Amino acid sequence: MEGQTVVPQVDAVIAGRRMLAHPFYQRWLAGELTRDDLRRYAAQYFRFEAAFPGYLCQVMAKLNTAADRRVLLQNLVDEEGGPETHLELFVRFAKALGLTRDELEATPVTESTQALLETFDDATRHGSAAEGLVALYAYESQAAEVAASKTTSLMASYGIAPGDGTAFWEVHAEADELHGAWERELLERLQPEPDRVVSVSKKAADALWGFLDGFSSPAPAKPIALPAPA
């Protein structure tokens, strides 16, 4: 099977675990969360954001050509190369919720967060370049629409003023649109073994969904039907 046919299969897997369809995000967008809910989320998401540049580096080291490495290098520069890293922007978001960096770092990692971190580390550290890349794609192909929706709801429903409290999400609403597209193109160029890549995409999408389950009811959440992205 040609590599070009892999991405539609991966996209179908991701669509089945579309993050915006998760009940936790639906409650977020409906303005139904409390500040404590948002703080709990921020303290756990901080760990994933802190780990993400390492995932990029692990995949980049496995790519064989400079052209391919530059795709993820630009992503890494976006994460860490500006006046403020994306992690620092996230700390500013958490501060707008009333959390300090010390509190973020001191918060214990939950079981669902640990599962997310281990899934992405395993895919990017121990998998092939394509397997690591598809884990990144499972996240970044969705991240722009999630970030844009969060920005709107934070201002409309949670009293977060534009600026420090929204900058992280505003940046990702733009940057991850590009990152997801770049990763999609690179995945097609790599012509990976389809079964392995699809399997890893499912593990990554399930881990992202499971992370959100950690903020919902104890029972596993079921997707909510949403219109397809434009």
Protein backbone atom coordinates (compact mmCIF):
# COMPACT_ATOMS: atom_id res chain seq x y z
CA MET A 1 0.00 0.00 0.00
CA GLU A 2 1.43 3.39 -0.98
CA GLY A 3 2.29 5.90 1.73
CA GLN A 4 -0.18 8.42 0.30
CA THR A 5 -3.06 6.21 1.39
CA VAL A 6 -1.99 6.13 5.03
CA VAL A 7 -2.98 9.66 6.03
CA PRO A 8 -6.70 9.27 5.25
CA GLN A 9 -6.73 6.15 7.43
CA VAL A 10 -4.99 8.05 10.20
CA ASP A 11 -7.41 10.96 9.83
CA ALA A 12 -10.33 8.57 10.20
CA VAL A 13 -8.86 7.21 13.43
CA ILE A 14 -8.34 10.72 14.80
CA ALA A 15 -11.86 11.77 13.81
CA GLY A 16 -13.20 8.95 15.96
CA ARG A 17 -11.48 10.53 18.95
CA ARG A 18 -11.87 14.18 18.00
CA MET A 19 -10.90 16.12 21.12
CA LEU A 20 -13.52 18.83 20.72
CA ALA A 21 -16.19 16.12 20.83
CA HIS A 22 -15.11 15.04 24.31
CA PRO A 23 -17.69 15.88 27.01
CA PHE A 24 -15.08 17.76 29.05
CA TYR A 25 -14.36 20.14 26.19
CA GLN A 26 -18.05 20.43 25.43
CA ARG A 27 -18.60 21.56 29.02
CA TRP A 28 -15.65 23.94 28.67
CA LEU A 29 -17.11 25.54 25.53
CA ALA A 30 -20.57 25.73 27.10
CA GLY A 31 -19.18 27.71 30.04
CA GLU A 32 -20.06 24.96 32.52
CA LEU A 33 -16.65 24.45 34.16
CA THR A 34 -15.57 26.07 37.41
CA ARG A 35 -12.28 27.86 37.97
CA ASP A 36 -11.21 24.83 39.98
CA ASP A 37 -11.94 22.61 36.96
CA LEU A 38 -9.79 24.84 34.77
CA ARG A 39 -6.99 24.91 37.33
CA ARG A 40 -7.02 21.12 37.59
CA TYR A 41 -6.77 20.89 33.82
CA ALA A 42 -3.97 23.47 33.63
CA ALA A 43 -1.86 21.70 36.24
CA GLN A 44 -1.97 18.46 34.25
CA TYR A 45 -1.71 19.93 30.73
CA PHE A 46 1.40 21.79 31.90
CA ARG A 47 3.20 18.43 32.01
CA PHE A 48 2.33 17.59 28.40
CA GLU A 49 3.30 21.04 27.17
CA ALA A 50 6.62 20.80 29.03
CA ALA A 51 7.36 17.41 27.46
CA PHE A 52 6.33 18.25 23.89
CA PRO A 53 9.63 19.78 22.66
CA GLY A 54 11.37 16.58 23.71
CA TYR A 55 8.99 14.54 21.58
CA LEU A 56 9.82 16.74 18.61
CA CYS A 57 13.55 16.24 19.16
CA GLN A 58 13.19 12.47 19.42
CA VAL A 59 11.42 12.24 16.08
CA MET A 60 13.68 14.78 14.39
CA ALA A 61 16.76 12.69 15.29
CA LYS A 62 15.32 9.75 13.33
CA LEU A 63 14.67 11.60 10.08
CA ASN A 64 17.18 10.91 7.33
CA THR A 65 17.25 14.14 5.35
CA ALA A 66 17.89 17.75 6.26
CA ALA A 67 14.70 18.78 4.45
CA ASP A 68 12.63 16.45 6.60
CA ARG A 69 14.38 17.50 9.80
CA ARG A 70 13.72 21.15 9.01
CA VAL A 71 9.97 20.49 9.17
CA LEU A 72 10.18 19.59 12.84
CA LEU A 73 13.00 22.03 13.52
CA GLN A 74 10.69 24.90 12.57
CA ASN A 75 8.07 23.43 14.88
CA LEU A 76 10.66 23.30 17.68
CA VAL A 77 11.71 26.89 16.99
CA ASP A 78 8.07 27.92 17.29
CA GLU A 79 7.89 26.12 20.65
CA GLU A 80 11.11 27.39 22.17
CA GLY A 81 12.79 29.95 19.93
CA GLY A 82 10.76 33.10 20.50
CA PRO A 83 11.09 35.78 23.17
CA GLU A 84 8.87 33.57 25.32
CA THR A 85 8.60 29.83 24.95
CA HIS A 86 5.19 28.28 24.55
CA LEU A 87 5.63 26.79 28.00
CA GLU A 88 6.08 30.29 29.44
CA LEU A 89 2.93 31.41 27.64
CA PHE A 90 1.12 28.49 29.23
CA VAL A 91 2.39 29.50 32.67
CA ARG A 92 0.86 32.93 32.04
CA PHE A 93 -2.46 31.27 31.22
CA ALA A 94 -2.28 29.30 34.47
CA LYS A 95 -1.43 32.49 36.37
CA ALA A 96 -4.62 34.09 35.01
CA LEU A 97 -6.46 31.19 36.65
CA GLY A 98 -4.69 31.81 39.96
CA LEU A 99 -1.90 29.21 39.73
CA THR A 100 1.80 29.89 40.19
CA ARG A 101 4.54 28.05 38.35
CA ASP A 102 5.61 26.47 41.64
CA GLU A 103 2.08 25.13 42.08
CA LEU A 104 2.08 23.73 38.54
CA GLU A 105 5.37 21.95 39.12
CA ALA A 106 4.31 20.63 42.53
CA THR A 107 1.00 19.15 41.39
CA PRO A 108 1.18 15.34 41.24
CA VAL A 109 0.70 13.77 37.82
CA THR A 110 -2.56 11.87 37.54
CA GLU A 111 -2.83 8.38 36.11
CA SER A 112 -4.42 9.61 32.87
CA THR A 113 -1.75 12.28 32.42
CA GLN A 114 1.00 9.73 33.03
CA ALA A 115 -0.56 7.45 30.43
CA LEU A 116 -0.55 10.32 27.91
CA LEU A 117 3.09 11.17 28.60
CA GLU A 118 4.18 7.54 28.37
CA THR A 119 2.26 6.96 25.13
CA PHE A 120 3.87 9.91 23.38
CA ASP A 121 7.32 9.18 24.79
CA ASP A 122 7.13 5.56 23.69
CA ALA A 123 6.00 6.46 20.17
CA THR A 124 8.61 9.16 19.67
CA ARG A 125 11.50 7.48 21.51
CA HIS A 126 11.08 3.83 20.55
CA GLY A 127 9.01 3.97 17.36
CA SER A 128 10.19 4.64 13.85
CA ALA A 129 10.32 8.20 12.53
CA ALA A 130 6.87 7.74 10.98
CA GLU A 131 5.42 6.23 14.15
CA GLY A 132 6.68 9.11 16.24
CA LEU A 133 5.50 11.59 13.65
CA VAL A 134 1.99 10.19 13.55
CA ALA A 135 1.69 10.59 17.32
CA LEU A 136 2.60 14.26 16.95
CA TYR A 137 0.13 14.56 14.09
CA ALA A 138 -2.67 12.99 16.14
CA TYR A 139 -2.32 15.92 18.51
CA GLU A 140 -1.32 18.84 16.29
CA SER A 141 -3.83 18.13 13.55
CA GLN A 142 -6.54 18.92 16.12
CA ALA A 143 -4.80 21.48 18.29
CA ALA A 144 -5.57 24.59 16.25
CA GLU A 145 -9.36 24.21 16.35
CA VAL A 146 -9.22 23.29 20.04
CA ALA A 147 -7.10 26.32 20.87
CA ALA A 148 -9.31 28.72 18.91
CA SER A 149 -12.42 27.42 20.64
CA LYS A 150 -10.79 27.75 24.04
CA THR A 151 -9.77 31.33 23.39
CA THR A 152 -13.33 32.32 22.57
CA SER A 153 -14.86 30.55 25.56
CA LEU A 154 -12.26 31.76 28.05
CA MET A 155 -13.14 35.35 27.21
CA ALA A 156 -16.89 34.84 26.82
CA SER A 157 -17.61 32.50 29.73
CA TYR A 158 -14.77 32.58 32.23
CA GLY A 159 -13.84 36.23 32.56
CA ILE A 160 -10.35 35.84 31.11
CA ALA A 161 -9.27 39.09 29.48
CA PRO A 162 -7.36 39.05 26.19
CA GLY A 163 -3.64 39.06 26.83
CA ASP A 164 -1.71 36.89 29.26
CA GLY A 165 -4.62 34.54 29.87
CA THR A 166 -5.30 33.85 26.19
CA ALA A 167 -1.93 34.29 24.45
CA PHE A 168 -0.98 30.61 24.63
CA TRP A 169 -4.19 29.52 22.94
CA GLU A 170 -4.12 32.34 20.37
CA VAL A 171 -0.59 31.38 19.33
CA HIS A 172 -1.52 27.71 19.00
CA ALA A 173 -4.66 28.48 17.03
CA GLU A 174 -2.36 29.78 14.29
CA ALA A 175 0.85 27.79 14.71
CA ASP A 176 -0.70 24.34 14.98
CA GLU A 177 -2.66 24.87 11.78
CA LEU A 178 0.73 24.96 10.07
CA HIS A 179 2.33 22.26 12.19
CA GLY A 180 -0.43 19.77 11.45
CA ALA A 181 -0.21 20.49 7.72
CA TRP A 182 3.58 20.12 7.72
CA GLU A 183 3.41 16.83 9.59
CA ARG A 184 0.75 15.53 7.21
CA GLU A 185 2.95 16.28 4.20
CA LEU A 186 5.99 14.71 5.85
CA LEU A 187 4.04 11.59 6.77
CA GLU A 188 3.04 11.18 3.13
CA ARG A 189 6.66 11.58 2.00
CA LEU A 190 7.95 8.95 4.42
CA GLN A 191 5.69 6.25 2.90
CA PRO A 192 5.45 4.34 6.19
CA GLU A 193 4.28 0.81 6.85
CA PRO A 194 0.52 1.40 7.16
CA ASP A 195 -0.50 -1.04 9.88
CA ARG A 196 2.06 0.20 12.40
CA VAL A 197 1.35 3.86 11.74
CA VAL A 198 -2.41 3.44 12.02
CA SER A 199 -1.94 1.48 15.25
CA VAL A 200 0.20 4.22 16.79
CA SER A 201 -2.25 6.90 15.70
CA LYS A 202 -4.99 5.02 17.56
CA LYS A 203 -2.87 4.74 20.70
CA ALA A 204 -2.09 8.46 20.59
CA ALA A 205 -5.69 9.49 19.95
CA ASP A 206 -6.90 7.17 22.70
CA ALA A 207 -4.33 8.61 25.12
CA LEU A 208 -5.46 12.17 24.37
CA TRP A 209 -9.08 11.14 24.89
CA GLY A 210 -8.13 9.30 28.09
CA PHE A 211 -6.36 12.40 29.36
CA LEU A 212 -9.64 14.31 29.04
CA ASP A 213 -11.50 11.43 30.70
CA GLY A 214 -9.43 12.26 33.76
CA PHE A 215 -11.42 15.48 34.18
CA SER A 216 -14.80 13.88 33.57
CA SER A 217 -16.85 11.18 35.22
CA PRO A 218 -15.15 7.92 36.24
CA ALA A 219 -16.90 6.11 33.39
CA PRO A 220 -15.18 6.35 29.98
CA ALA A 221 -16.68 9.17 27.96
CA LYS A 222 -18.32 8.66 24.59
CA PRO A 223 -17.85 11.02 21.63
CA ILE A 224 -20.46 13.68 21.01
CA ALA A 225 -21.48 14.07 17.37
CA LEU A 226 -20.03 17.25 15.89
CA PRO A 227 -20.10 18.59 12.35
CA ALA A 228 -16.97 17.85 10.36
CA PRO A 229 -14.31 20.59 10.44
CA ALA A 230 -14.57 23.06 7.59
